[in-house]
Amino acid sequence: MASLKKHLGKYVDPRTDFGWKFYFGREENKILLIEFLNSLFEGEKVVKDLRYKTVEHDGDHEDMRRLVFDLLCISDDGKHFIVEMQQLFQEFFKDRAIYYTSRLINKQLTRGKKGSSYCLPEVYFIGSLEFRMDEKKSFEHRDTGHPYFYDVALCDKNTHEIFYDKLGYKMVSLPLFNKTPEELITVMDQWLYLLKHLSTMDKLPSFLDKRIFGLIFEIGEIGKLTEEDLMSYEASLKHK
């Protein structure tokens, strides 16, 4: 068992199904998810608390089964909004992002609604991508400074004004994130660096904020996993 743990490295890889749920899908560690979401919203929203509505569920078909977090988020001004968060590997992910948010919106309407009673909550889709989105265009966008971050909203094609401000898609493409420690400027930069490199680290580096990331290094040690969790993690690595 000791040799197996040594072979796996020191920290659980968050870029696996097991790791994603291990760090972000547990009520006792929800502060990690709150901090990660706030880094992506960059002040647009400030999450103060959240509730897990569904930790994971299956798609309608075998090949659509993914790890999904349905979250009810409470902002700093007391308002509620919904976040669906996924780690994505599969094809047709744009179609599936639309499908999942459409299903989530549909669930908010009480059956039998009539007339104009269609006031909906805000819904956001958060995706951590393990592939390059629009690979052919990736180099054209490098001058934006965020070729790895997609902040998508429903807007007018001519004026570019937001048409509907209660639906958004925020996706990060980890393969396109290639910043060095010296280039990490924002908290989001630090999060993406950690997600990409945690499995190869042996301690918390000085360039990461200890207040935010210290808990990850504390709970993520593979040596602290139960035998059952260790077997699940190894299977998740093989699946990846």
C-alpha atoms as a PDB file:
ATOM      1  CA  MET A   1       0.000   0.000   0.000  1.00  0.00           C
ATOM      2  CA  ALA A   2       2.832   2.406   0.846  1.00  0.00           C
ATOM      3  CA  SER A   3       4.506   1.850  -2.533  1.00  0.00           C
ATOM      4  CA  LEU A   4       1.194   2.488  -4.278  1.00  0.00           C
ATOM      5  CA  LYS A   5       0.742   5.811  -2.491  1.00  0.00           C
ATOM      6  CA  LYS A   6       4.287   6.832  -3.413  1.00  0.00           C
ATOM      7  CA  HIS A   7       3.622   6.001  -7.050  1.00  0.00           C
ATOM      8  CA  LEU A   8       0.503   8.189  -7.052  1.00  0.00           C
ATOM      9  CA  GLY A   9       2.314  11.261  -5.789  1.00  0.00           C
ATOM     10  CA  LYS A  10       1.584  13.281  -2.657  1.00  0.00           C
ATOM     11  CA  TYR A  11      -1.697  15.051  -3.431  1.00  0.00           C
ATOM     12  CA  VAL A  12      -4.982  13.974  -4.996  1.00  0.00           C
ATOM     13  CA  ASP A  13      -5.278  15.184  -8.577  1.00  0.00           C
ATOM     14  CA  PRO A  14      -8.317  17.520  -8.893  1.00  0.00           C
ATOM     15  CA  ARG A  15      -8.420  16.796 -12.639  1.00  0.00           C
ATOM     16  CA  THR A  16     -10.036  13.419 -12.009  1.00  0.00           C
ATOM     17  CA  ASP A  17     -13.666  12.626 -11.213  1.00  0.00           C
ATOM     18  CA  PHE A  18     -12.669  11.491  -7.737  1.00  0.00           C
ATOM     19  CA  GLY A  19     -10.499  14.540  -7.099  1.00  0.00           C
ATOM     20  CA  TRP A  20     -13.098  16.985  -8.397  1.00  0.00           C
ATOM     21  CA  LYS A  21     -15.715  15.587  -6.021  1.00  0.00           C
ATOM     22  CA  PHE A  22     -13.180  15.158  -3.202  1.00  0.00           C
ATOM     23  CA  TYR A  23     -12.227  18.844  -3.155  1.00  0.00           C
ATOM     24  CA  PHE A  24     -15.412  20.551  -4.322  1.00  0.00           C
ATOM     25  CA  GLY A  25     -18.289  18.156  -3.634  1.00  0.00           C
ATOM     26  CA  ARG A  26     -18.157  17.833   0.141  1.00  0.00           C
ATOM     27  CA  GLU A  27     -20.206  19.992   2.468  1.00  0.00           C
ATOM     28  CA  GLU A  28     -17.386  20.241   4.998  1.00  0.00           C
ATOM     29  CA  ASN A  29     -15.059  21.694   2.337  1.00  0.00           C
ATOM     30  CA  LYS A  30     -17.537  23.988   0.576  1.00  0.00           C
ATOM     31  CA  ILE A  31     -15.391  27.023   1.359  1.00  0.00           C
ATOM     32  CA  LEU A  32     -13.050  25.754  -1.380  1.00  0.00           C
ATOM     33  CA  LEU A  33     -15.851  25.790  -3.939  1.00  0.00           C
ATOM     34  CA  ILE A  34     -17.021  29.225  -2.774  1.00  0.00           C
ATOM     35  CA  GLU A  35     -13.520  30.636  -3.221  1.00  0.00           C
ATOM     36  CA  PHE A  36     -13.117  29.003  -6.642  1.00  0.00           C
ATOM     37  CA  LEU A  37     -16.458  30.339  -7.896  1.00  0.00           C
ATOM     38  CA  ASN A  38     -15.664  33.830  -6.656  1.00  0.00           C
ATOM     39  CA  SER A  39     -12.370  33.775  -8.548  1.00  0.00           C
ATOM     40  CA  LEU A  40     -14.267  33.036 -11.781  1.00  0.00           C
ATOM     41  CA  PHE A  41     -16.999  35.629 -11.186  1.00  0.00           C
ATOM     42  CA  GLU A  42     -14.306  38.283 -10.577  1.00  0.00           C
ATOM     43  CA  GLY A  43     -16.664  40.516  -8.591  1.00  0.00           C
ATOM     44  CA  GLU A  44     -19.653  40.106 -10.920  1.00  0.00           C
ATOM     45  CA  LYS A  45     -21.123  37.947  -8.178  1.00  0.00           C
ATOM     46  CA  VAL A  46     -19.851  37.347  -4.659  1.00  0.00           C
ATOM     47  CA  VAL A  47     -20.849  33.970  -3.248  1.00  0.00           C
ATOM     48  CA  LYS A  48     -21.227  34.032   0.531  1.00  0.00           C
ATOM     49  CA  ASP A  49     -22.760  30.590   0.965  1.00  0.00           C
ATOM     50  CA  LEU A  50     -24.046  27.696  -1.107  1.00  0.00           C
ATOM     51  CA  ARG A  51     -26.103  24.564  -0.815  1.00  0.00           C
ATOM     52  CA  TYR A  52     -25.582  21.379  -2.758  1.00  0.00           C
ATOM     53  CA  LYS A  53     -28.844  20.526  -4.488  1.00  0.00           C
ATOM     54  CA  THR A  54     -27.510  17.409  -6.218  1.00  0.00           C
ATOM     55  CA  VAL A  55     -23.946  16.236  -5.772  1.00  0.00           C
ATOM     56  CA  GLU A  56     -23.988  14.129  -8.906  1.00  0.00           C
ATOM     57  CA  HIS A  57     -26.503  12.730 -11.337  1.00  0.00           C
ATOM     58  CA  ASP A  58     -26.521  10.857 -14.613  1.00  0.00           C
ATOM     59  CA  GLY A  59     -27.376  12.060 -18.073  1.00  0.00           C
ATOM     60  CA  ASP A  60     -30.136  10.500 -20.099  1.00  0.00           C
ATOM     61  CA  HIS A  61     -27.708   8.209 -21.899  1.00  0.00           C
ATOM     62  CA  GLU A  62     -24.769   6.100 -20.765  1.00  0.00           C
ATOM     63  CA  ASP A  63     -22.209   8.274 -22.580  1.00  0.00           C
ATOM     64  CA  MET A  64     -23.579  11.458 -20.990  1.00  0.00           C
ATOM     65  CA  ARG A  65     -22.919  10.465 -17.403  1.00  0.00           C
ATOM     66  CA  ARG A  66     -20.758  13.116 -15.818  1.00  0.00           C
ATOM     67  CA  LEU A  67     -20.007  14.458 -12.396  1.00  0.00           C
ATOM     68  CA  VAL A  68     -22.343  17.398 -11.886  1.00  0.00           C
ATOM     69  CA  PHE A  69     -22.821  19.857  -9.028  1.00  0.00           C
ATOM     70  CA  ASP A  70     -26.158  21.665  -8.874  1.00  0.00           C
ATOM     71  CA  LEU A  71     -25.669  24.553  -6.469  1.00  0.00           C
ATOM     72  CA  LEU A  72     -27.963  27.087  -4.881  1.00  0.00           C
ATOM     73  CA  CYS A  73     -25.728  30.082  -4.224  1.00  0.00           C
ATOM     74  CA  ILE A  74     -26.422  32.986  -1.889  1.00  0.00           C
ATOM     75  CA  SER A  75     -24.680  36.218  -2.804  1.00  0.00           C
ATOM     76  CA  ASP A  76     -23.394  38.902  -0.463  1.00  0.00           C
ATOM     77  CA  ASP A  77     -26.540  40.981  -1.078  1.00  0.00           C
ATOM     78  CA  GLY A  78     -28.824  38.107  -0.045  1.00  0.00           C
ATOM     79  CA  LYS A  79     -29.926  37.166  -3.552  1.00  0.00           C
ATOM     80  CA  HIS A  80     -30.070  33.569  -4.769  1.00  0.00           C
ATOM     81  CA  PHE A  81     -28.777  32.175  -8.041  1.00  0.00           C
ATOM     82  CA  ILE A  82     -28.130  28.701  -9.389  1.00  0.00           C
ATOM     83  CA  VAL A  83     -24.850  27.269 -10.619  1.00  0.00           C
ATOM     84  CA  GLU A  84     -24.361  24.019 -12.473  1.00  0.00           C
ATOM     85  CA  MET A  85     -20.726  22.999 -12.337  1.00  0.00           C
ATOM     86  CA  GLN A  86     -19.059  20.262 -14.353  1.00  0.00           C
ATOM     87  CA  GLN A  87     -15.685  18.922 -15.235  1.00  0.00           C
ATOM     88  CA  LEU A  88     -15.935  18.187 -18.945  1.00  0.00           C
ATOM     89  CA  PHE A  89     -14.084  15.728 -21.142  1.00  0.00           C
ATOM     90  CA  GLN A  90     -16.742  14.739 -23.674  1.00  0.00           C
ATOM     91  CA  GLU A  91     -17.582  15.776 -27.200  1.00  0.00           C
ATOM     92  CA  PHE A  92     -20.420  18.164 -28.086  1.00  0.00           C
ATOM     93  CA  PHE A  93     -19.853  19.975 -24.800  1.00  0.00           C
ATOM     94  CA  LYS A  94     -21.470  23.199 -26.064  1.00  0.00           C
ATOM     95  CA  ASP A  95     -24.652  21.291 -26.843  1.00  0.00           C
ATOM     96  CA  ARG A  96     -24.549  19.648 -23.457  1.00  0.00           C
ATOM     97  CA  ALA A  97     -23.941  22.935 -21.644  1.00  0.00           C
ATOM     98  CA  ILE A  98     -27.067  24.348 -23.294  1.00  0.00           C
ATOM     99  CA  TYR A  99     -28.962  21.142 -22.557  1.00  0.00           C
ATOM    100  CA  TYR A 100     -28.082  21.134 -18.862  1.00  0.00           C
ATOM    101  CA  THR A 101     -28.889  24.812 -18.304  1.00  0.00           C
ATOM    102  CA  SER A 102     -32.160  24.463 -20.232  1.00  0.00           C
ATOM    103  CA  ARG A 103     -33.124  21.527 -18.046  1.00  0.00           C
ATOM    104  CA  LEU A 104     -32.142  23.454 -14.937  1.00  0.00           C
ATOM    105  CA  ILE A 105     -34.233  26.468 -15.974  1.00  0.00           C
ATOM    106  CA  ASN A 106     -37.198  24.255 -16.795  1.00  0.00           C
ATOM    107  CA  LYS A 107     -37.097  22.770 -13.293  1.00  0.00           C
ATOM    108  CA  GLN A 108     -37.646  26.221 -11.782  1.00  0.00           C
ATOM    109  CA  LEU A 109     -41.119  26.624 -13.289  1.00  0.00           C
ATOM    110  CA  THR A 110     -43.939  25.249 -11.214  1.00  0.00           C
ATOM    111  CA  ARG A 111     -46.190  23.004 -13.263  1.00  0.00           C
ATOM    112  CA  GLY A 112     -49.407  24.701 -14.286  1.00  0.00           C
ATOM    113  CA  LYS A 113     -47.923  28.198 -14.503  1.00  0.00           C
ATOM    114  CA  LYS A 114     -50.068  30.473 -16.659  1.00  0.00           C
ATOM    115  CA  GLY A 115     -49.916  33.970 -18.029  1.00  0.00           C
ATOM    116  CA  SER A 116     -46.770  35.971 -17.317  1.00  0.00           C
ATOM    117  CA  SER A 117     -45.606  34.113 -14.204  1.00  0.00           C
ATOM    118  CA  TYR A 118     -42.203  33.279 -15.653  1.00  0.00           C
ATOM    119  CA  CYS A 119     -39.809  35.151 -13.407  1.00  0.00           C
ATOM    120  CA  LEU A 120     -36.723  32.945 -13.333  1.00  0.00           C
ATOM    121  CA  PRO A 121     -33.669  32.870 -11.085  1.00  0.00           C
ATOM    122  CA  GLU A 122     -30.217  33.552 -12.443  1.00  0.00           C
ATOM    123  CA  VAL A 123     -28.520  30.445 -13.814  1.00  0.00           C
ATOM    124  CA  TYR A 124     -24.826  30.005 -14.544  1.00  0.00           C
ATOM    125  CA  PHE A 125     -22.924  27.105 -16.041  1.00  0.00           C
ATOM    126  CA  ILE A 126     -19.357  26.611 -14.819  1.00  0.00           C
ATOM    127  CA  GLY A 127     -17.166  24.246 -16.812  1.00  0.00           C
ATOM    128  CA  SER A 128     -13.621  23.057 -16.247  1.00  0.00           C
ATOM    129  CA  LEU A 129     -12.488  21.826 -19.653  1.00  0.00           C
ATOM    130  CA  GLU A 130      -9.855  19.161 -20.151  1.00  0.00           C
ATOM    131  CA  PHE A 131      -9.458  20.097 -23.807  1.00  0.00           C
ATOM    132  CA  ARG A 132      -8.977  23.130 -26.052  1.00  0.00           C
ATOM    133  CA  MET A 133     -12.206  24.832 -27.030  1.00  0.00           C
ATOM    134  CA  ASP A 134     -12.220  26.125 -30.626  1.00  0.00           C
ATOM    135  CA  GLU A 135      -8.618  24.977 -31.067  1.00  0.00           C
ATOM    136  CA  LYS A 136      -8.264  26.568 -34.510  1.00  0.00           C
ATOM    137  CA  LYS A 137      -9.060  29.972 -33.037  1.00  0.00           C
ATOM    138  CA  SER A 138      -7.014  29.639 -29.855  1.00  0.00           C
ATOM    139  CA  PHE A 139      -3.957  31.484 -31.145  1.00  0.00           C
ATOM    140  CA  GLU A 140      -6.062  34.350 -32.498  1.00  0.00           C
ATOM    141  CA  HIS A 141      -7.250  35.153 -28.966  1.00  0.00           C
ATOM    142  CA  ARG A 142      -3.930  35.160 -27.177  1.00  0.00           C
ATOM    143  CA  ASP A 143      -3.806  38.973 -27.247  1.00  0.00           C
ATOM    144  CA  THR A 144      -6.870  39.109 -24.953  1.00  0.00           C
ATOM    145  CA  GLY A 145      -4.780  37.944 -22.008  1.00  0.00           C
ATOM    146  CA  HIS A 146      -7.314  35.225 -21.157  1.00  0.00           C
ATOM    147  CA  PRO A 147      -7.222  32.650 -23.971  1.00  0.00           C
ATOM    148  CA  TYR A 148      -8.086  29.990 -21.403  1.00  0.00           C
ATOM    149  CA  PHE A 149     -11.190  31.701 -19.965  1.00  0.00           C
ATOM    150  CA  TYR A 150     -14.539  31.926 -21.755  1.00  0.00           C
ATOM    151  CA  ASP A 151     -17.127  34.303 -20.289  1.00  0.00           C
ATOM    152  CA  VAL A 152     -20.266  33.804 -22.376  1.00  0.00           C
ATOM    153  CA  ALA A 153     -23.565  35.698 -22.207  1.00  0.00           C
ATOM    154  CA  LEU A 154     -26.681  36.090 -24.361  1.00  0.00           C
ATOM    155  CA  CYS A 155     -26.230  39.356 -26.252  1.00  0.00           C
ATOM    156  CA  ASP A 156     -27.301  41.315 -29.327  1.00  0.00           C
ATOM    157  CA  LYS A 157     -24.992  40.480 -32.247  1.00  0.00           C
ATOM    158  CA  ASN A 158     -25.057  44.027 -33.597  1.00  0.00           C
ATOM    159  CA  THR A 159     -24.749  46.151 -30.473  1.00  0.00           C
ATOM    160  CA  HIS A 160     -23.011  43.530 -28.288  1.00  0.00           C
ATOM    161  CA  GLU A 161     -25.284  44.627 -25.451  1.00  0.00           C
ATOM    162  CA  ILE A 162     -26.439  41.969 -23.002  1.00  0.00           C
ATOM    163  CA  PHE A 163     -29.930  40.821 -23.989  1.00  0.00           C
ATOM    164  CA  TYR A 164     -30.562  38.607 -20.953  1.00  0.00           C
ATOM    165  CA  ASP A 165     -28.423  38.991 -17.868  1.00  0.00           C
ATOM    166  CA  LYS A 166     -29.715  35.985 -15.912  1.00  0.00           C
ATOM    167  CA  LEU A 167     -27.927  33.288 -17.907  1.00  0.00           C
ATOM    168  CA  GLY A 168     -24.170  32.907 -18.242  1.00  0.00           C
ATOM    169  CA  TYR A 169     -21.471  30.392 -19.089  1.00  0.00           C
ATOM    170  CA  LYS A 170     -18.003  30.552 -17.587  1.00  0.00           C
ATOM    171  CA  MET A 171     -15.528  27.953 -18.782  1.00  0.00           C
ATOM    172  CA  VAL A 172     -11.804  27.473 -18.292  1.00  0.00           C
ATOM    173  CA  SER A 173      -9.632  25.422 -20.617  1.00  0.00           C
ATOM    174  CA  LEU A 174      -6.781  24.067 -18.511  1.00  0.00           C
ATOM    175  CA  PRO A 175      -4.669  22.893 -21.486  1.00  0.00           C
ATOM    176  CA  LEU A 176      -4.526  26.530 -22.637  1.00  0.00           C
ATOM    177  CA  PHE A 177      -3.427  27.806 -19.241  1.00  0.00           C
ATOM    178  CA  ASN A 178       0.361  27.976 -19.415  1.00  0.00           C
ATOM    179  CA  LYS A 179       1.274  30.767 -17.017  1.00  0.00           C
ATOM    180  CA  THR A 180       4.407  30.469 -14.914  1.00  0.00           C
ATOM    181  CA  PRO A 181       4.419  31.283 -11.166  1.00  0.00           C
ATOM    182  CA  GLU A 182       5.816  34.730 -11.961  1.00  0.00           C
ATOM    183  CA  GLU A 183       2.873  35.454 -14.266  1.00  0.00           C
ATOM    184  CA  LEU A 184       0.120  34.659 -11.758  1.00  0.00           C
ATOM    185  CA  ILE A 185      -1.666  37.962 -11.221  1.00  0.00           C
ATOM    186  CA  THR A 186      -5.237  37.193 -10.216  1.00  0.00           C
ATOM    187  CA  VAL A 187      -6.734  34.714  -7.755  1.00  0.00           C
ATOM    188  CA  MET A 188      -8.214  32.899 -10.753  1.00  0.00           C
ATOM    189  CA  ASP A 189      -4.687  32.503 -12.130  1.00  0.00           C
ATOM    190  CA  GLN A 190      -3.628  30.896  -8.864  1.00  0.00           C
ATOM    191  CA  TRP A 191      -6.612  28.544  -8.875  1.00  0.00           C
ATOM    192  CA  LEU A 192      -5.991  27.386 -12.442  1.00  0.00           C
ATOM    193  CA  TYR A 193      -2.296  26.877 -11.771  1.00  0.00           C
ATOM    194  CA  LEU A 194      -3.147  24.790  -8.723  1.00  0.00           C
ATOM    195  CA  LEU A 195      -5.728  22.674 -10.559  1.00  0.00           C
ATOM    196  CA  LYS A 196      -3.242  21.964 -13.312  1.00  0.00           C
ATOM    197  CA  HIS A 197      -0.161  21.268 -11.189  1.00  0.00           C
ATOM    198  CA  LEU A 198      -1.311  20.093  -7.744  1.00  0.00           C
ATOM    199  CA  SER A 199      -0.748  16.398  -8.467  1.00  0.00           C
ATOM    200  CA  THR A 200       2.963  17.060  -9.142  1.00  0.00           C
ATOM    201  CA  MET A 201       3.615  19.296  -6.110  1.00  0.00           C
ATOM    202  CA  ASP A 202       5.126  18.183  -2.810  1.00  0.00           C
ATOM    203  CA  LYS A 203       4.167  21.230  -0.692  1.00  0.00           C
ATOM    204  CA  LEU A 204       2.280  24.518  -0.782  1.00  0.00           C
ATOM    205  CA  PRO A 205       4.465  26.915  -2.810  1.00  0.00           C
ATOM    206  CA  SER A 206       5.110  30.409  -1.492  1.00  0.00           C
ATOM    207  CA  PHE A 207       3.483  32.100  -4.509  1.00  0.00           C
ATOM    208  CA  LEU A 208       0.030  30.710  -3.640  1.00  0.00           C
ATOM    209  CA  ASP A 209      -2.131  32.425  -1.026  1.00  0.00           C
ATOM    210  CA  LYS A 210      -1.959  30.237   2.090  1.00  0.00           C
ATOM    211  CA  ARG A 211      -5.296  31.539   3.401  1.00  0.00           C
ATOM    212  CA  ILE A 212      -7.142  30.174   0.366  1.00  0.00           C
ATOM    213  CA  PHE A 213      -5.127  27.144  -0.630  1.00  0.00           C
ATOM    214  CA  GLY A 214      -3.799  25.874   2.671  1.00  0.00           C
ATOM    215  CA  LEU A 215      -6.884  23.704   3.218  1.00  0.00           C
ATOM    216  CA  ILE A 216      -6.422  21.959  -0.119  1.00  0.00           C
ATOM    217  CA  PHE A 217      -2.913  20.894   0.783  1.00  0.00           C
ATOM    218  CA  GLU A 218      -4.086  19.873   4.240  1.00  0.00           C
ATOM    219  CA  ILE A 219      -6.906  17.582   3.096  1.00  0.00           C
ATOM    220  CA  GLY A 220      -5.462  16.485  -0.253  1.00  0.00           C
ATOM    221  CA  GLU A 221      -2.608  14.297   0.943  1.00  0.00           C
ATOM    222  CA  ILE A 222      -2.939  10.854  -0.576  1.00  0.00           C
ATOM    223  CA  GLY A 223      -1.392   9.370   2.555  1.00  0.00           C
ATOM    224  CA  LYS A 224      -4.485  10.434   4.515  1.00  0.00           C
ATOM    225  CA  LEU A 225      -6.965   8.640   2.231  1.00  0.00           C
ATOM    226  CA  THR A 226      -8.850   5.637   3.509  1.00  0.00           C
ATOM    227  CA  GLU A 227      -8.211   2.377   1.717  1.00  0.00           C
ATOM    228  CA  GLU A 228     -11.611   2.640   0.046  1.00  0.00           C
ATOM    229  CA  ASP A 229     -10.956   6.187  -1.166  1.00  0.00           C
ATOM    230  CA  LEU A 230      -7.505   5.213  -2.370  1.00  0.00           C
ATOM    231  CA  MET A 231      -8.965   2.442  -4.519  1.00  0.00           C
ATOM    232  CA  SER A 232     -11.577   4.835  -5.908  1.00  0.00           C
ATOM    233  CA  TYR A 233      -8.892   7.412  -6.678  1.00  0.00           C
ATOM    234  CA  GLU A 234      -6.705   4.879  -8.486  1.00  0.00           C
ATOM    235  CA  ALA A 235      -9.691   3.776 -10.573  1.00  0.00           C
ATOM    236  CA  SER A 236     -10.450   7.409 -11.383  1.00  0.00           C
ATOM    237  CA  LEU A 237      -6.878   7.963 -12.545  1.00  0.00           C
ATOM    238  CA  LYS A 238      -7.081   4.957 -14.826  1.00  0.00           C
ATOM    239  CA  HIS A 239     -10.384   6.228 -16.239  1.00  0.00           C
ATOM    240  CA  LYS A 240      -8.838   9.625 -16.944  1.00  0.00           C
END
